[in-house]
Amino acid sequence: MKIIAPAQIRESLAPQLPAGVDATWVNAAGDVAGDPSDAVVYFRWWMAQPALDQVLAIAPGLRWLHTPSAGVDRLLTPAVIARDLTLTNSAGVHAIPMAEFVLGFMLAHAKQIGVYRAAQAEARWVDDLQLRELYESTLLIIGMGGIGQAIAQRAAAFGMHIYGSRRTPQPMPGVARVVGSDSWRGLLPEADYIVVAAPLTAETRGMIDSAAFAAMKSSAYLINIARGALIDDPALIAALRNGQIGGAALDTFEQEPLPAESPLWALPNITITPHATASSPRMHERQIAIFIENLTRFRAGQPLLNIVDKSAGY
């Protein structure tokens, strides 16, 4: 069996490939070292859309495409949608570092770590801040997939009240209530922290809009670790400037890197990170592990893990 695999992780991946699997290696530009025409599997790494389409064009026999990402919105090109390809993602591998980052955002906000750091730089003693506890505060997680569940598990250990939403609601450990569709909007007035962890689809684009901000507490803290386009930026900027919400932590933006002229940089009640919440020294280890597991299943004719519904977008 021949596969197309990413040259960027060749050193880690090659020793784990089973006997009988022949790899053709492709770089980020879409340049393939060898003949991929008879490859049936493509383990994609991060690359621009033209490079992805270039690989698909020279590998007509592909039957399965795997991506190291959880989100697939940037992967669903016309070429991918048109091909009869099983698409799988790496949902779950990012859950631990992203959930830890979310707890870090919430703790930094509740304990005003940024204010203390600024005071330290000025050798200024600050002893009059009104600090908060996460204990018994309310967390709303919009998108209760693997990442959302990992966040809920950790937040529950802090004694938080947790609500969640997902397309198909179902009871989850530690979560007081799970709602579906747009029902999360009715929970906004209760939430002290709102975490956006939903996939980007035609239905979810811009869903955190002016109406959503109007429904939030004036002290609410918004955290986005999913996709920038889920939030209506002008509405967010207005809400932050007007004190409509208490603040925000943003790890993802519709345009990345975030342009220097973006007004978001200058807002005092915001924390910006450069799409870094999934970063972990163990990330490649987990991404390779799920691919190898699925490769074993594929060769045995067994159902694959993390199959993506291309029409739904996740």
Protein backbone atom coordinates (compact mmCIF):
# COMPACT_ATOMS: atom_id res chain seq x y z
CA MET A 1 0.00 0.00 0.00
CA LYS A 2 1.29 3.45 -0.87
CA ILE A 3 0.59 6.56 1.16
CA ILE A 4 1.48 10.22 0.76
CA ALA A 5 2.91 11.52 4.01
CA PRO A 6 4.24 14.90 5.24
CA ALA A 7 7.99 15.40 4.96
CA GLN A 8 7.85 17.75 7.96
CA ILE A 9 7.38 14.82 10.35
CA ARG A 10 9.20 12.12 8.39
CA GLU A 11 11.72 11.49 11.15
CA SER A 12 8.94 10.74 13.66
CA LEU A 13 6.44 9.04 11.37
CA ALA A 14 8.60 6.77 9.22
CA PRO A 15 9.69 4.39 12.04
CA GLN A 16 6.04 3.84 13.01
CA LEU A 17 4.72 2.88 9.57
CA PRO A 18 3.71 -0.79 9.41
CA ALA A 19 5.48 -3.26 7.16
CA GLY A 20 3.96 -3.21 3.69
CA VAL A 21 3.28 0.53 3.73
CA ASP A 22 5.34 2.54 1.26
CA ALA A 23 5.45 6.30 1.87
CA THR A 24 5.90 9.04 -0.70
CA TRP A 25 6.87 12.26 1.07
CA VAL A 26 5.41 15.68 0.29
CA ASN A 27 6.57 19.09 1.55
CA ALA A 28 4.55 22.19 2.48
CA ALA A 29 4.74 23.50 -1.09
CA GLY A 30 3.07 20.36 -2.45
CA ASP A 31 6.23 18.97 -4.03
CA VAL A 32 6.19 15.16 -3.92
CA ALA A 33 9.37 13.07 -3.81
CA GLY A 34 8.36 10.08 -5.93
CA ASP A 35 5.36 8.85 -7.85
CA PRO A 36 2.09 9.34 -5.93
CA SER A 37 -0.21 8.20 -8.74
CA ASP A 38 -1.01 4.87 -7.05
CA ALA A 39 -1.27 6.22 -3.48
CA VAL A 40 -4.54 5.46 -1.70
CA VAL A 41 -3.95 7.41 1.54
CA TYR A 42 -2.87 11.01 2.06
CA PHE A 43 -1.76 12.20 5.49
CA ARG A 44 -1.92 15.95 4.93
CA TRP A 45 0.09 18.44 6.93
CA TRP A 46 -0.38 22.23 7.01
CA MET A 47 -0.16 23.78 3.56
CA ALA A 48 -1.86 26.41 1.44
CA GLN A 49 -4.94 25.45 -0.60
CA PRO A 50 -3.13 25.50 -3.96
CA ALA A 51 -0.57 23.01 -2.64
CA LEU A 52 -3.31 20.72 -1.33
CA ASP A 53 -5.14 20.79 -4.65
CA GLN A 54 -1.85 20.15 -6.43
CA VAL A 55 -1.31 16.94 -4.47
CA LEU A 56 -4.88 15.77 -5.07
CA ALA A 57 -4.49 16.35 -8.82
CA ILE A 58 -1.50 14.02 -9.11
CA ALA A 59 -2.94 11.27 -6.92
CA PRO A 60 -6.10 10.03 -8.64
CA GLY A 61 -6.29 6.83 -6.60
CA LEU A 62 -6.72 8.43 -3.19
CA ARG A 63 -9.48 6.97 -1.04
CA TRP A 64 -8.75 8.46 2.36
CA LEU A 65 -7.48 11.91 3.42
CA HIS A 66 -6.40 12.57 7.00
CA THR A 67 -5.67 15.99 8.49
CA PRO A 68 -3.70 16.79 11.66
CA SER A 69 -6.16 19.55 12.52
CA ALA A 70 -9.51 19.30 14.27
CA GLY A 71 -11.19 22.02 12.20
CA VAL A 72 -11.63 21.31 8.48
CA ASP A 73 -13.14 24.59 7.25
CA ARG A 74 -9.91 25.54 5.43
CA LEU A 75 -9.56 22.02 4.04
CA LEU A 76 -12.94 21.71 2.35
CA THR A 77 -11.81 23.01 -1.03
CA PRO A 78 -13.92 22.32 -4.14
CA ALA A 79 -11.41 19.62 -5.08
CA VAL A 80 -11.79 17.86 -1.73
CA ILE A 81 -15.57 18.09 -1.77
CA ALA A 82 -15.81 16.81 -5.34
CA ARG A 83 -13.61 13.76 -4.73
CA ASP A 84 -14.99 10.49 -3.35
CA LEU A 85 -12.67 10.69 -0.35
CA THR A 86 -13.18 9.62 3.22
CA LEU A 87 -12.00 12.55 5.31
CA THR A 88 -10.83 12.15 8.90
CA ASN A 89 -9.50 14.74 11.32
CA SER A 90 -7.44 14.74 14.51
CA ALA A 91 -10.21 15.85 16.87
CA GLY A 92 -9.18 15.12 20.44
CA VAL A 93 -5.42 15.52 20.10
CA HIS A 94 -5.61 19.22 20.93
CA ALA A 95 -7.97 18.89 23.89
CA ILE A 96 -5.45 18.81 26.74
CA PRO A 97 -3.31 21.87 25.88
CA MET A 98 -6.32 23.90 24.74
CA ALA A 99 -8.31 23.10 27.88
CA GLU A 100 -5.33 24.05 30.04
CA PHE A 101 -5.01 27.34 28.15
CA VAL A 102 -8.68 28.14 28.73
CA LEU A 103 -8.30 27.57 32.46
CA GLY A 104 -5.23 29.80 32.31
CA PHE A 105 -7.23 32.56 30.65
CA MET A 106 -9.99 32.31 33.24
CA LEU A 107 -7.61 32.24 36.20
CA ALA A 108 -5.58 35.17 34.85
CA HIS A 109 -8.79 37.17 34.47
CA ALA A 110 -10.24 36.24 37.86
CA LYS A 111 -6.99 36.95 39.70
CA GLN A 112 -6.06 39.99 37.54
CA ILE A 113 -2.57 38.65 36.84
CA GLY A 114 -2.05 41.19 34.05
CA VAL A 115 -2.58 44.10 36.45
CA TYR A 116 -0.10 42.65 38.91
CA ARG A 117 2.47 42.09 36.16
CA ALA A 118 2.11 45.70 35.01
CA ALA A 119 2.47 46.93 38.60
CA GLN A 120 5.57 44.77 39.06
CA ALA A 121 7.20 46.37 36.02
CA GLU A 122 6.68 49.76 37.69
CA ALA A 123 7.76 48.55 41.16
CA ARG A 124 4.30 49.59 42.34
CA TRP A 125 2.51 47.87 45.23
CA VAL A 126 -1.15 47.15 44.41
CA ASP A 127 -3.28 45.82 47.24
CA ASP A 128 -6.78 47.06 46.44
CA LEU A 129 -7.90 44.87 43.54
CA GLN A 130 -11.26 43.13 43.63
CA LEU A 131 -10.31 39.53 42.79
CA ARG A 132 -12.74 36.77 41.89
CA GLU A 133 -12.99 33.03 42.39
CA LEU A 134 -13.77 30.50 39.70
CA TYR A 135 -15.58 28.52 42.38
CA GLU A 136 -19.36 28.62 41.81
CA SER A 137 -19.04 30.95 38.81
CA THR A 138 -20.89 29.89 35.66
CA LEU A 139 -19.16 28.71 32.50
CA LEU A 140 -20.91 28.32 29.16
CA ILE A 141 -19.05 26.23 26.57
CA ILE A 142 -20.38 26.70 23.04
CA GLY A 143 -19.28 23.52 21.27
CA MET A 144 -19.11 20.42 23.47
CA GLY A 145 -16.86 18.29 21.30
CA GLY A 146 -13.65 16.75 22.60
CA ILE A 147 -12.09 20.12 23.43
CA GLY A 148 -15.25 21.41 25.10
CA GLN A 149 -15.52 18.26 27.20
CA ALA A 150 -11.88 18.55 28.28
CA ILE A 151 -12.54 22.15 29.35
CA ALA A 152 -15.64 21.08 31.28
CA GLN A 153 -13.74 18.33 33.09
CA ARG A 154 -11.10 20.75 34.33
CA ALA A 155 -13.56 23.53 35.15
CA ALA A 156 -15.63 21.10 37.22
CA ALA A 157 -12.57 20.47 39.40
CA PHE A 158 -12.67 24.20 40.27
CA GLY A 159 -16.29 23.92 41.37
CA MET A 160 -17.71 25.90 38.45
CA HIS A 161 -21.32 25.58 37.27
CA ILE A 162 -21.07 24.41 33.66
CA TYR A 163 -23.47 24.67 30.73
CA GLY A 164 -22.74 23.50 27.22
CA SER A 165 -24.16 23.35 23.72
CA ARG A 166 -23.76 20.99 20.81
CA ARG A 167 -25.64 20.08 17.65
CA THR A 168 -27.02 16.91 19.26
CA PRO A 169 -27.38 17.58 23.00
CA GLN A 170 -26.78 14.76 25.43
CA PRO A 171 -25.97 14.50 29.15
CA MET A 172 -22.26 14.86 29.97
CA PRO A 173 -20.38 14.30 33.23
CA GLY A 174 -19.95 17.47 35.26
CA VAL A 175 -22.14 19.55 32.94
CA ALA A 176 -25.37 20.77 34.51
CA ARG A 177 -27.15 21.30 31.20
CA VAL A 178 -26.39 20.64 27.54
CA VAL A 179 -28.55 22.40 24.94
CA GLY A 180 -28.65 22.26 21.17
CA SER A 181 -28.86 24.54 18.17
CA ASP A 182 -29.20 28.22 19.11
CA SER A 183 -30.45 27.48 22.64
CA TRP A 184 -27.10 28.61 24.07
CA ARG A 185 -28.29 32.18 23.55
CA GLY A 186 -30.80 31.73 26.37
CA LEU A 187 -27.96 30.81 28.74
CA LEU A 188 -25.83 33.89 28.04
CA PRO A 189 -27.36 36.06 30.81
CA GLU A 190 -26.22 33.51 33.41
CA ALA A 191 -22.67 33.02 32.20
CA ASP A 192 -19.62 34.57 33.83
CA TYR A 193 -17.34 32.96 31.24
CA ILE A 194 -18.26 32.05 27.67
CA VAL A 195 -15.90 29.77 25.75
CA VAL A 196 -16.32 29.44 21.98
CA ALA A 197 -15.17 25.97 20.90
CA ALA A 198 -17.53 25.32 17.98
CA PRO A 199 -16.59 24.39 14.40
CA LEU A 200 -16.81 27.05 11.70
CA THR A 201 -19.65 26.33 9.29
CA ALA A 202 -22.05 28.41 7.23
CA GLU A 203 -24.45 28.28 10.19
CA THR A 204 -21.96 29.27 12.89
CA ARG A 205 -20.10 32.04 11.06
CA GLY A 206 -20.59 35.30 12.96
CA MET A 207 -22.82 33.69 15.56
CA ILE A 208 -21.34 35.71 18.44
CA ASP A 209 -23.01 38.89 17.26
CA SER A 210 -24.37 42.12 18.69
CA ALA A 211 -27.46 40.33 20.00
CA ALA A 212 -25.27 37.84 21.83
CA PHE A 213 -23.20 40.60 23.42
CA ALA A 214 -26.36 42.42 24.44
CA ALA A 215 -27.51 39.29 26.30
CA MET A 216 -24.27 38.87 28.26
CA LYS A 217 -23.52 40.16 31.72
CA SER A 218 -21.50 43.37 31.83
CA SER A 219 -18.87 41.36 33.70
CA ALA A 220 -18.87 38.41 31.26
CA TYR A 221 -15.53 37.22 29.90
CA LEU A 222 -15.43 35.80 26.37
CA ILE A 223 -12.79 33.26 25.27
CA ASN A 224 -12.42 32.17 21.63
CA ILE A 225 -10.19 29.18 20.88
CA ALA A 226 -12.04 27.99 17.79
CA ARG A 227 -12.12 30.18 14.66
CA GLY A 228 -12.04 33.95 14.43
CA ALA A 229 -14.94 34.10 11.98
CA LEU A 230 -17.31 32.76 14.65
CA ILE A 231 -17.26 36.23 16.20
CA ASP A 232 -18.57 39.43 14.62
CA ASP A 233 -15.47 41.59 15.14
CA PRO A 234 -17.16 45.03 14.92
CA ALA A 235 -19.75 43.88 17.47
CA LEU A 236 -16.98 42.54 19.73
CA ILE A 237 -14.95 45.75 19.51
CA ALA A 238 -18.03 47.83 20.32
CA ALA A 239 -18.91 45.59 23.28
CA LEU A 240 -15.38 45.86 24.69
CA ARG A 241 -15.13 49.61 24.18
CA ASN A 242 -18.56 50.29 25.67
CA GLY A 243 -18.14 48.06 28.71
CA GLN A 244 -20.94 45.83 27.47
CA ILE A 245 -18.84 42.83 28.54
CA GLY A 246 -15.96 42.57 31.01
CA GLY A 247 -13.27 41.42 28.60
CA ALA A 248 -12.09 38.77 26.18
CA ALA A 249 -9.25 36.37 25.43
CA LEU A 250 -8.79 35.65 21.74
CA ASP A 251 -6.49 33.01 20.30
CA THR A 252 -7.84 32.96 16.77
CA PHE A 253 -8.77 35.58 14.19
CA GLU A 254 -10.36 35.72 10.76
CA GLN A 255 -7.10 37.16 9.40
CA GLU A 256 -3.90 35.67 10.78
CA PRO A 257 -1.46 37.04 11.73
CA LEU A 258 -3.71 39.73 13.20
CA PRO A 259 -2.85 42.96 11.31
CA ALA A 260 -0.96 45.58 13.30
CA GLU A 261 -3.68 48.11 12.49
CA SER A 262 -6.44 46.01 14.09
CA PRO A 263 -8.14 47.98 16.90
CA LEU A 264 -8.13 44.79 18.98
CA TRP A 265 -4.45 45.28 19.86
CA ALA A 266 -5.09 48.56 21.69
CA LEU A 267 -8.05 47.50 23.84
CA PRO A 268 -7.12 47.31 27.53
CA ASN A 269 -9.58 44.56 28.49
CA ILE A 270 -8.38 41.92 26.06
CA THR A 271 -5.73 39.20 25.90
CA ILE A 272 -4.41 38.18 22.47
CA THR A 273 -2.46 35.00 21.75
CA PRO A 274 -1.22 33.96 18.26
CA HIS A 275 -3.31 30.81 17.63
CA ALA A 276 -1.16 29.11 20.23
CA THR A 277 -3.56 27.31 22.56
CA ALA A 278 -2.99 23.91 20.91
CA SER A 279 0.78 24.20 21.16
CA SER A 280 2.39 21.33 23.04
CA PRO A 281 5.60 19.31 22.76
CA ARG A 282 3.37 16.22 22.66
CA MET A 283 1.20 17.39 19.77
CA HIS A 284 2.99 15.54 16.95
CA GLU A 285 3.06 12.40 19.10
CA ARG A 286 -0.75 12.45 19.40
CA GLN A 287 -1.33 13.39 15.74
CA ILE A 288 0.82 10.53 14.54
CA ALA A 289 -0.81 8.10 16.98
CA ILE A 290 -4.32 8.74 15.66
CA PHE A 291 -3.13 8.45 12.06
CA ILE A 292 -1.37 5.12 12.74
CA GLU A 293 -4.48 3.80 14.50
CA ASN A 294 -6.64 4.78 11.53
CA LEU A 295 -4.09 3.38 9.08
CA THR A 296 -4.32 0.02 10.87
CA ARG A 297 -8.11 0.18 10.66
CA PHE A 298 -8.02 1.21 6.99
CA ARG A 299 -5.83 -1.75 6.02
CA ALA A 300 -8.11 -4.11 7.95
CA GLY A 301 -11.30 -2.70 6.41
CA GLN A 302 -12.53 -1.47 9.81
CA PRO A 303 -14.42 1.79 10.52
CA LEU A 304 -12.14 4.80 10.83
CA LEU A 305 -12.08 7.18 13.78
CA ASN A 306 -13.07 10.84 13.42
CA ILE A 307 -14.81 10.66 10.05
CA VAL A 308 -15.83 14.15 8.95
CA ASP A 309 -19.21 14.89 7.42
CA LYS A 310 -18.06 17.07 4.52
CA SER A 311 -21.55 18.46 3.97
CA ALA A 312 -21.88 19.53 7.63
CA GLY A 313 -18.33 20.86 7.82
CA TYR A 314 -17.20 18.81 10.82
